[in-house]
């Protein structure tokens, strides 16, 4: 059996590198407690440029948008939907 849990939130792109960090309360909801555990995430970013989806395996659950930096702009409000599979 596969467990799937998803969370959607709105955030402002605040880093010059155009990274979005998963807030601590969102990590808790998703069950991401340790930075050493691997997590399979489906990340959907909705910005003024449209929607982009990335599937990734991460140990940090931290900065997530290195794959999205051409899709988002600094100071832009974006909708982020993160689904954890596993």
C-alpha atoms as a PDB file:
ATOM      1  CA  UNK A   1       0.000   0.000   0.000  1.00  0.00           C
ATOM      2  CA  UNK A   2       1.271   3.473  -0.886  1.00  0.00           C
ATOM      3  CA  UNK A   3       0.488   6.458   1.321  1.00  0.00           C
ATOM      4  CA  UNK A   4      -0.032   9.796  -0.423  1.00  0.00           C
ATOM      5  CA  UNK A   5      -0.276  13.111   1.413  1.00  0.00           C
ATOM      6  CA  UNK A   6      -0.546  16.526  -0.221  1.00  0.00           C
ATOM      7  CA  UNK A   7      -0.391  20.127   0.968  1.00  0.00           C
ATOM      8  CA  UNK A   8      -1.029  23.331  -0.982  1.00  0.00           C
ATOM      9  CA  UNK A   9       0.186  26.766   0.147  1.00  0.00           C
ATOM     10  CA  UNK A  10       0.956  30.226  -1.212  1.00  0.00           C
ATOM     11  CA  UNK A  11       4.374  31.766  -0.670  1.00  0.00           C
ATOM     12  CA  UNK A  12       6.497  34.652  -1.882  1.00  0.00           C
ATOM     13  CA  UNK A  13       9.743  33.978  -3.738  1.00  0.00           C
ATOM     14  CA  UNK A  14      12.233  35.758  -1.464  1.00  0.00           C
ATOM     15  CA  UNK A  15      15.656  34.454  -2.454  1.00  0.00           C
ATOM     16  CA  UNK A  16      17.855  35.914  -5.201  1.00  0.00           C
ATOM     17  CA  UNK A  17      18.417  32.276  -6.198  1.00  0.00           C
ATOM     18  CA  UNK A  18      14.627  31.980  -6.541  1.00  0.00           C
ATOM     19  CA  UNK A  19      14.428  29.057  -4.126  1.00  0.00           C
ATOM     20  CA  UNK A  20      11.317  28.251  -2.147  1.00  0.00           C
ATOM     21  CA  UNK A  21      11.828  26.634   1.253  1.00  0.00           C
ATOM     22  CA  UNK A  22       9.233  24.291   2.682  1.00  0.00           C
ATOM     23  CA  UNK A  23       8.079  25.964   5.929  1.00  0.00           C
ATOM     24  CA  UNK A  24       8.526  23.971   9.153  1.00  0.00           C
ATOM     25  CA  UNK A  25       4.765  23.591   9.720  1.00  0.00           C
ATOM     26  CA  UNK A  26       4.315  22.165   6.195  1.00  0.00           C
ATOM     27  CA  UNK A  27       7.195  19.722   6.825  1.00  0.00           C
ATOM     28  CA  UNK A  28       5.425  18.532   9.988  1.00  0.00           C
ATOM     29  CA  UNK A  29       2.148  17.995   8.097  1.00  0.00           C
ATOM     30  CA  UNK A  30       4.008  15.974   5.447  1.00  0.00           C
ATOM     31  CA  UNK A  31       5.849  13.954   8.098  1.00  0.00           C
ATOM     32  CA  UNK A  32       9.286  15.255   7.125  1.00  0.00           C
ATOM     33  CA  UNK A  33      11.062  15.350  10.472  1.00  0.00           C
ATOM     34  CA  UNK A  34      14.654  14.360   9.753  1.00  0.00           C
ATOM     35  CA  UNK A  35      16.896  15.871   7.110  1.00  0.00           C
ATOM     36  CA  UNK A  36      18.591  12.497   6.706  1.00  0.00           C
ATOM     37  CA  UNK A  37      15.511  10.555   5.548  1.00  0.00           C
ATOM     38  CA  UNK A  38      14.763  10.277   1.835  1.00  0.00           C
ATOM     39  CA  UNK A  39      11.386  11.586   0.681  1.00  0.00           C
ATOM     40  CA  UNK A  40       9.706  11.177  -2.713  1.00  0.00           C
ATOM     41  CA  UNK A  41       7.939  14.436  -3.532  1.00  0.00           C
ATOM     42  CA  UNK A  42       5.807  15.652  -6.414  1.00  0.00           C
ATOM     43  CA  UNK A  43       6.122  19.432  -6.458  1.00  0.00           C
ATOM     44  CA  UNK A  44       3.801  21.625  -8.507  1.00  0.00           C
ATOM     45  CA  UNK A  45       4.509  25.352  -8.824  1.00  0.00           C
ATOM     46  CA  UNK A  46       1.860  27.696 -10.228  1.00  0.00           C
ATOM     47  CA  UNK A  47       3.278  31.080 -11.234  1.00  0.00           C
ATOM     48  CA  UNK A  48       2.551  33.832 -13.730  1.00  0.00           C
ATOM     49  CA  UNK A  49       4.373  31.662 -16.287  1.00  0.00           C
ATOM     50  CA  UNK A  50       1.970  28.754 -15.777  1.00  0.00           C
ATOM     51  CA  UNK A  51       2.316  25.411 -14.038  1.00  0.00           C
ATOM     52  CA  UNK A  52       5.406  23.243 -13.761  1.00  0.00           C
ATOM     53  CA  UNK A  53       5.596  19.856 -12.060  1.00  0.00           C
ATOM     54  CA  UNK A  54       8.763  18.130 -10.864  1.00  0.00           C
ATOM     55  CA  UNK A  55       9.145  14.711  -9.263  1.00  0.00           C
ATOM     56  CA  UNK A  56      12.116  14.534  -6.942  1.00  0.00           C
ATOM     57  CA  UNK A  57      13.727  12.533  -4.169  1.00  0.00           C
ATOM     58  CA  UNK A  58      15.105  14.749  -1.434  1.00  0.00           C
ATOM     59  CA  UNK A  59      16.790  14.176   1.889  1.00  0.00           C
ATOM     60  CA  UNK A  60      16.412  17.740   3.082  1.00  0.00           C
ATOM     61  CA  UNK A  61      12.873  18.823   2.294  1.00  0.00           C
ATOM     62  CA  UNK A  62      14.442  22.273   2.301  1.00  0.00           C
ATOM     63  CA  UNK A  63      15.125  24.423  -0.732  1.00  0.00           C
ATOM     64  CA  UNK A  64      13.159  22.855  -3.531  1.00  0.00           C
ATOM     65  CA  UNK A  65      13.172  25.118  -6.527  1.00  0.00           C
ATOM     66  CA  UNK A  66      16.542  24.713  -8.163  1.00  0.00           C
ATOM     67  CA  UNK A  67      14.503  22.943 -10.844  1.00  0.00           C
ATOM     68  CA  UNK A  68      12.021  25.832 -10.990  1.00  0.00           C
ATOM     69  CA  UNK A  69      14.273  28.920 -11.037  1.00  0.00           C
ATOM     70  CA  UNK A  70      13.460  29.741 -14.677  1.00  0.00           C
ATOM     71  CA  UNK A  71       9.746  29.373 -13.938  1.00  0.00           C
ATOM     72  CA  UNK A  72       9.461  31.833 -11.029  1.00  0.00           C
ATOM     73  CA  UNK A  73      10.522  35.418 -10.371  1.00  0.00           C
ATOM     74  CA  UNK A  74      11.883  37.143  -7.279  1.00  0.00           C
ATOM     75  CA  UNK A  75       9.107  38.673  -5.108  1.00  0.00           C
ATOM     76  CA  UNK A  76       6.405  36.752  -7.016  1.00  0.00           C
ATOM     77  CA  UNK A  77       3.556  35.083  -5.129  1.00  0.00           C
ATOM     78  CA  UNK A  78       3.311  31.453  -6.202  1.00  0.00           C
ATOM     79  CA  UNK A  79       1.106  28.521  -5.281  1.00  0.00           C
ATOM     80  CA  UNK A  80       3.005  25.409  -4.262  1.00  0.00           C
ATOM     81  CA  UNK A  81       1.435  21.964  -4.052  1.00  0.00           C
ATOM     82  CA  UNK A  82       3.636  19.280  -2.515  1.00  0.00           C
ATOM     83  CA  UNK A  83       2.591  15.652  -2.538  1.00  0.00           C
ATOM     84  CA  UNK A  84       4.621  13.131  -0.540  1.00  0.00           C
ATOM     85  CA  UNK A  85       4.479   9.560  -1.814  1.00  0.00           C
ATOM     86  CA  UNK A  86       5.546   6.637   0.313  1.00  0.00           C
END
